[in-house]
Amino acid sequence: MFLYHLIEEFYNMDLNRLKIPSFLKNKYALTAAVFLIWISFFDENNLITQYQYHSELSKLQDEEVFYQEELVKIQASLKELQTNPKTLEKFAREKYLMKKDNEELFVIVEEE
């Protein structure tokens, strides 16, 4: 009953007497404002989410550039290993500790 009287009283009020800004009396402007607020804060793709997506995309693009540069370096070293036997021998000695039959190998480990 109380709610019914409250709604009836609201409908009987003179809206021109209230100090409501004129743009809020316009139903189209009010609808547009509610729509913008909804899209900005409550939607699945709100502004915060869009900012996070943009940041992640930027980070991934930076990583892509880094890995492309690394790929170019690795391809150049691979080509060098395939064409130069001295480079291949140096690589095998340094990375895999390989040695010739008549050599001795000493590995020095630095302590930190």
C-alpha atoms as a PDB file:
ATOM      1  CA  MET A   1       0.000   0.000   0.000  1.00  0.00           C
ATOM      2  CA  PHE A   2       2.813   2.355   0.898  1.00  0.00           C
ATOM      3  CA  LEU A   3       4.514   1.760  -2.443  1.00  0.00           C
ATOM      4  CA  TYR A   4       1.275   2.453  -4.287  1.00  0.00           C
ATOM      5  CA  HIS A   5       0.888   5.813  -2.513  1.00  0.00           C
ATOM      6  CA  LEU A   6       4.508   6.678  -3.189  1.00  0.00           C
ATOM      7  CA  ILE A   7       4.144   5.970  -6.923  1.00  0.00           C
ATOM      8  CA  GLU A   8       0.857   7.886  -7.079  1.00  0.00           C
ATOM      9  CA  GLU A   9       2.455  10.846  -5.343  1.00  0.00           C
ATOM     10  CA  PHE A  10       5.373  10.765  -7.777  1.00  0.00           C
ATOM     11  CA  TYR A  11       3.045  10.837 -10.798  1.00  0.00           C
ATOM     12  CA  ASN A  12       1.061  13.710  -9.357  1.00  0.00           C
ATOM     13  CA  MET A  13       4.136  15.865  -8.766  1.00  0.00           C
ATOM     14  CA  ASP A  14       4.794  18.815 -10.986  1.00  0.00           C
ATOM     15  CA  LEU A  15       8.081  17.980 -12.674  1.00  0.00           C
ATOM     16  CA  ASN A  16       8.652  21.586 -13.687  1.00  0.00           C
ATOM     17  CA  ARG A  17       8.845  22.548 -10.004  1.00  0.00           C
ATOM     18  CA  LEU A  18      11.734  20.162  -9.373  1.00  0.00           C
ATOM     19  CA  LYS A  19      15.241  21.416 -10.039  1.00  0.00           C
ATOM     20  CA  ILE A  20      16.141  18.755 -12.585  1.00  0.00           C
ATOM     21  CA  PRO A  21      18.579  19.783 -15.317  1.00  0.00           C
ATOM     22  CA  SER A  22      16.900  20.124 -18.684  1.00  0.00           C
ATOM     23  CA  PHE A  23      19.010  17.432 -20.374  1.00  0.00           C
ATOM     24  CA  LEU A  24      17.717  14.866 -17.836  1.00  0.00           C
ATOM     25  CA  LYS A  25      14.122  15.728 -18.770  1.00  0.00           C
ATOM     26  CA  ASN A  26      14.882  14.802 -22.379  1.00  0.00           C
ATOM     27  CA  LYS A  27      14.267  11.063 -22.660  1.00  0.00           C
ATOM     28  CA  TYR A  28      16.688  10.651 -25.567  1.00  0.00           C
ATOM     29  CA  ALA A  29      19.566  12.358 -23.772  1.00  0.00           C
ATOM     30  CA  LEU A  30      18.811  10.387 -20.602  1.00  0.00           C
ATOM     31  CA  THR A  31      18.756   7.122 -22.580  1.00  0.00           C
ATOM     32  CA  ALA A  32      22.053   8.006 -24.282  1.00  0.00           C
ATOM     33  CA  ALA A  33      23.655   8.884 -20.926  1.00  0.00           C
ATOM     34  CA  VAL A  34      22.505   5.601 -19.354  1.00  0.00           C
ATOM     35  CA  PHE A  35      23.734   3.711 -22.427  1.00  0.00           C
ATOM     36  CA  LEU A  36      27.184   5.350 -22.254  1.00  0.00           C
ATOM     37  CA  ILE A  37      27.480   4.644 -18.530  1.00  0.00           C
ATOM     38  CA  TRP A  38      26.453   1.045 -19.094  1.00  0.00           C
ATOM     39  CA  ILE A  39      28.942   0.538 -21.929  1.00  0.00           C
ATOM     40  CA  SER A  40      31.733   2.313 -20.016  1.00  0.00           C
ATOM     41  CA  PHE A  41      31.491   0.472 -16.708  1.00  0.00           C
ATOM     42  CA  PHE A  42      29.113  -2.498 -16.640  1.00  0.00           C
ATOM     43  CA  ASP A  43      29.413  -4.165 -20.038  1.00  0.00           C
ATOM     44  CA  GLU A  44      31.618  -7.190 -20.672  1.00  0.00           C
ATOM     45  CA  ASN A  45      33.942  -5.010 -22.783  1.00  0.00           C
ATOM     46  CA  ASN A  46      34.057  -1.970 -20.506  1.00  0.00           C
ATOM     47  CA  LEU A  47      36.776   0.688 -20.534  1.00  0.00           C
ATOM     48  CA  ILE A  48      38.943  -1.063 -17.935  1.00  0.00           C
ATOM     49  CA  THR A  49      38.870  -4.311 -19.883  1.00  0.00           C
ATOM     50  CA  GLN A  50      39.636  -2.477 -23.118  1.00  0.00           C
ATOM     51  CA  TYR A  51      42.649  -0.807 -21.471  1.00  0.00           C
ATOM     52  CA  GLN A  52      43.904  -4.181 -20.217  1.00  0.00           C
ATOM     53  CA  TYR A  53      43.473  -5.689 -23.695  1.00  0.00           C
ATOM     54  CA  HIS A  54      45.351  -2.766 -25.240  1.00  0.00           C
ATOM     55  CA  SER A  55      48.206  -3.126 -22.734  1.00  0.00           C
ATOM     56  CA  GLU A  56      48.457  -6.865 -23.337  1.00  0.00           C
ATOM     57  CA  LEU A  57      48.398  -6.347 -27.106  1.00  0.00           C
ATOM     58  CA  SER A  58      51.191  -3.782 -26.853  1.00  0.00           C
ATOM     59  CA  LYS A  59      53.280  -6.151 -24.714  1.00  0.00           C
ATOM     60  CA  LEU A  60      52.708  -9.021 -27.151  1.00  0.00           C
ATOM     61  CA  GLN A  61      53.689  -6.837 -30.114  1.00  0.00           C
ATOM     62  CA  ASP A  62      56.923  -5.905 -28.328  1.00  0.00           C
ATOM     63  CA  GLU A  63      57.610  -9.594 -27.676  1.00  0.00           C
ATOM     64  CA  GLU A  64      56.921 -10.379 -31.325  1.00  0.00           C
ATOM     65  CA  VAL A  65      59.518  -7.830 -32.444  1.00  0.00           C
ATOM     66  CA  PHE A  66      62.031  -9.243 -29.939  1.00  0.00           C
ATOM     67  CA  TYR A  67      61.508 -12.836 -31.075  1.00  0.00           C
ATOM     68  CA  GLN A  68      61.725 -11.874 -34.744  1.00  0.00           C
ATOM     69  CA  GLU A  69      65.092 -10.221 -34.078  1.00  0.00           C
ATOM     70  CA  GLU A  70      66.245 -13.298 -32.165  1.00  0.00           C
ATOM     71  CA  LEU A  71      65.105 -15.506 -35.026  1.00  0.00           C
ATOM     72  CA  VAL A  72      67.195 -13.507 -37.490  1.00  0.00           C
ATOM     73  CA  LYS A  73      70.251 -13.842 -35.204  1.00  0.00           C
ATOM     74  CA  ILE A  74      69.750 -17.593 -34.793  1.00  0.00           C
ATOM     75  CA  GLN A  75      69.273 -18.127 -38.520  1.00  0.00           C
ATOM     76  CA  ALA A  76      72.507 -16.219 -39.205  1.00  0.00           C
ATOM     77  CA  SER A  77      74.441 -18.322 -36.680  1.00  0.00           C
ATOM     78  CA  LEU A  78      72.911 -21.520 -38.082  1.00  0.00           C
ATOM     79  CA  LYS A  79      73.976 -20.559 -41.579  1.00  0.00           C
ATOM     80  CA  GLU A  80      77.483 -19.821 -40.251  1.00  0.00           C
ATOM     81  CA  LEU A  81      77.586 -23.232 -38.508  1.00  0.00           C
ATOM     82  CA  GLN A  82      76.481 -25.027 -41.667  1.00  0.00           C
ATOM     83  CA  THR A  83      79.025 -23.315 -43.923  1.00  0.00           C
ATOM     84  CA  ASN A  84      82.142 -22.902 -41.749  1.00  0.00           C
ATOM     85  CA  PRO A  85      83.733 -26.023 -40.201  1.00  0.00           C
ATOM     86  CA  LYS A  86      85.902 -24.006 -37.790  1.00  0.00           C
ATOM     87  CA  THR A  87      82.795 -22.321 -36.366  1.00  0.00           C
ATOM     88  CA  LEU A  88      81.121 -25.725 -36.025  1.00  0.00           C
ATOM     89  CA  GLU A  89      84.133 -27.075 -34.132  1.00  0.00           C
ATOM     90  CA  LYS A  90      84.199 -24.036 -31.838  1.00  0.00           C
ATOM     91  CA  PHE A  91      80.472 -24.417 -31.155  1.00  0.00           C
ATOM     92  CA  ALA A  92      80.822 -28.125 -30.341  1.00  0.00           C
ATOM     93  CA  ARG A  93      83.765 -27.481 -27.993  1.00  0.00           C
ATOM     94  CA  GLU A  94      82.036 -24.630 -26.136  1.00  0.00           C
ATOM     95  CA  LYS A  95      78.480 -25.896 -25.904  1.00  0.00           C
ATOM     96  CA  TYR A  96      78.903 -29.655 -25.672  1.00  0.00           C
ATOM     97  CA  LEU A  97      82.437 -29.851 -24.197  1.00  0.00           C
ATOM     98  CA  MET A  98      83.635 -32.066 -27.036  1.00  0.00           C
ATOM     99  CA  LYS A  99      87.345 -32.741 -27.517  1.00  0.00           C
ATOM    100  CA  LYS A 100      89.707 -34.576 -29.815  1.00  0.00           C
ATOM    101  CA  ASP A 101      91.076 -37.987 -28.813  1.00  0.00           C
ATOM    102  CA  ASN A 102      94.539 -36.718 -27.925  1.00  0.00           C
ATOM    103  CA  GLU A 103      93.344 -33.716 -25.845  1.00  0.00           C
ATOM    104  CA  GLU A 104      92.443 -33.238 -22.219  1.00  0.00           C
ATOM    105  CA  LEU A 105      89.566 -30.974 -21.225  1.00  0.00           C
ATOM    106  CA  PHE A 106      89.527 -28.824 -18.099  1.00  0.00           C
ATOM    107  CA  VAL A 107      86.291 -27.137 -17.099  1.00  0.00           C
ATOM    108  CA  ILE A 108      86.673 -24.168 -14.762  1.00  0.00           C
ATOM    109  CA  VAL A 109      83.528 -23.260 -12.825  1.00  0.00           C
ATOM    110  CA  GLU A 110      83.479 -19.813 -11.289  1.00  0.00           C
ATOM    111  CA  GLU A 111      81.831 -19.558  -7.883  1.00  0.00           C
ATOM    112  CA  GLU A 112      79.649 -16.605  -7.145  1.00  0.00           C
END
